[in-house]
Amino acid sequence: MTRNSYPHMVLDHAVTQVREIHRARAERLREVFSPREADAYRSNVREAIQRAFSPRPEKTLLHAQVTGKLDLPSFCIEKVTLESRPRYLVTANLYVPHNLEAPAPCVLGTCGHSATGKGFELYHAFCQRLAHAGFVVLIYDPVSQGERDQYYGTPYQERIGLGTRAHNMMGKQLELLGENMAMWRAWDGIRALDYLLSRPEVDARHVGLTGNSGGGTMSTWLWAIDDRFTMAAPSCFVTTFLHNLENELPADAEQCPPGAIGAGLEMADFIIAGAPKPVLLMGQTYDYFDRRGLRAAYEDVSHVYRAYGVEEGRVGLHVGPQGHGFSLHNQQAMVSFFCQHAGLPVKQVDEVEELDASDLFATPEGQVLGAGATPVYELIARRAKELSEQRAALDEEALRENLVRLLAVSDDRSAVPHYRVPRPVRRDGCVLARYAVETEGHIRAILWKTMSEPVHPFTLDVEPEVHLYLPHTSAQEDLENSSVASLVSSEPLYALDVRGLGASMPEEAGAGFFQPYGMDYMMHAYGGMLGQSYVGRRVWDVLRTMDLLHHEGAQTIHLYGRGQGAILAALAGFLHPQSGTVTLKNGPSSFFEWTQTPYVAWPAANCLFGVLQVCDLPDVVRALGDRVRCVEPWDAEMTDVVV
């Protein structure tokens, strides 16, 4: 198989877009000099953030319980459970200093991506340091960490794992519903804050927020969307979206609020949303979150605080001397900052109590599912069923309009795309001509054509009737191993690698294309933050290639898709006026099916945001009518459906 020709193509295209958004934002920010201009900028930022963090459920009863207590010399730790959604259990620890004579300042602690959640040494250590300084602290487990493994006791537990992999699994299912993991995670924090502020020991005039890594993420988001916090200190997260993208750093599902970048936001804007309240940005010298981006974010925040006339003492930057993590240096900087702004004398301790994660369990088995909680995948399945029952049947025109909107593909394709003619591939007596179709920006969809005598691989000569094959992952691989022979036998055969597949498949660090946290996932995630649909942009590549083929002489274009290509073939076949028959092999039966199981093997890039609110793949198949043939469908695990 030939080496991929364009492995950085999709990344470069995204970088170009984000750089332009970054530049335009910098120009807007440079115009902020007065409190009035700062208010206007902050108002626009807050509106965009509220759009990204939606929809929000209604608040329901917390049903909070204190299930145990751990007494230590200077404070006690209460073991708490609460329901952020009905029967959706959150486990937490409340640190209460001894001998409080009046309500005390409080802090909500958010955890990073540790398997043990709130029981991780660095995380209960910062809670202890805050308690020693006189703060009441609530720290809660993130979903699928600590006591909240959503697959506990199921056959999927080992396959899905904990932390980021589990979050990304839930995230792609939520996207089908039109929801997102960032809001689901933030909602747990909002409800945890509700509980913290209900406690009589708490002084609601001084409410801090801190966390590291994934907890730095949640601290950043919560600071922007909940006005009850009065001070914050996110650690080891804040940089710029642009630096993360340029550095090929995948972000977790909850770190990718939909539409945020497309709305012109940078990470600093989530801090600016809380201006001019006190905030300390923290990082590490050797963090993989780029310190250049951290300093740039600090400068942006400082600029707005200067416009408010309150920069000194209100906004700070602390960069620890280590790699990624909530080191002692950062913990002590955070404690000092919070003491300063809560009116407490600074009290620091070097040593903290050694605690085992099990010492902090709030549930009998150390797992919420063992305590009767409802797992996320069941909540997703229920919501998908509700949407299915509520959906109105669409006529063909309404279905087309909705798909164009969801896929974000334009109906205006009057200009014919330019194409290049790279050198052909010759192997074992076979000639594969190649054409690089420029569908937008840096993107080139690679069109292959099988050649027989006479061979003319340096021109594009298109027949009136074309057979176009869309592969699962690679056109060349399928053509060379004859995996398409049973699907289509017509000659000549065209095949197409859309962006990110085949010739432009991103390079991976050994784990392969289907890893749940790889470059394909990353480009899907950044597409979502840009307000785009990655599967929609792949459909666009197909549509534009069909436009080119039609311009060059094709009157009818028969489509054949396998696996991921079957999804593209169904959608493009329905939307393009020149499409003929559509053959779908190893395609999914429906998107709905992906919501009815804990485990979905299909890459996130195939998940169309919000599709189940309006339609599903069977609606497309029905609209294709007699033109469509479905062969050997695959289930949610990308294996043959058992009949």
Foldseek 3Di string as FASTA:
>chain_A
DDAFAAQCLLLVQLLVVLVVLQVVLVVLLVPQFALVSLVVLLVLLLVLLVVLQDDDDDADFFPKDFQDKADDDFWIKTWMWTALDVLAIKTKIKTAGPPDPAAFAEEEEEEAQDQQFCQDPLNVVLVQFLSNLPYIYMYIGFAQHFQHNLQPPHPCDVVQDGGQSLQLLLQLLVQQQQHFSLNVRLSVVVVSVVVVVVDRNHDQVAYEYEYFHVSLLSQLSNLQNPQSHQEYEYEADQFWPSVCSVLQNFDGRSNFRFQQSLSSDISLSSVSNNPPGAYEYEYEPAEPRDVNRVVVSQVSSLSSNVNHVHNPLRYYYYYHHDYGDCDPRNSLVVQVSSCVVRVTPRDGDDDDDDDGSVVNQSDPVRHSVVVVGNRSLVVSLVSLVVLLVPADADDLVVVLVVCCVLLVPDPPPPDAWDKAWDDWDDDPNKTWTWIFTCLDDSFTKIKIKTDDPPDDRRDDAADQEAEEEEEQAAPVVCVVVVVCCVVDPDPTHMYIHGDCGHSHPHDFDPPDDQDQRHSLLRSQSSCRNSVHQLLSSSLSNVQSVVSNSVVNNYQAYEYEYENLGLLSQLSNLSNHPRYAAYEYEQAEPKSSLSSNDSDASDHSSSRRGSNSNHHMSVSSVVSCPPRYHYYQYAGRNSHGDDD
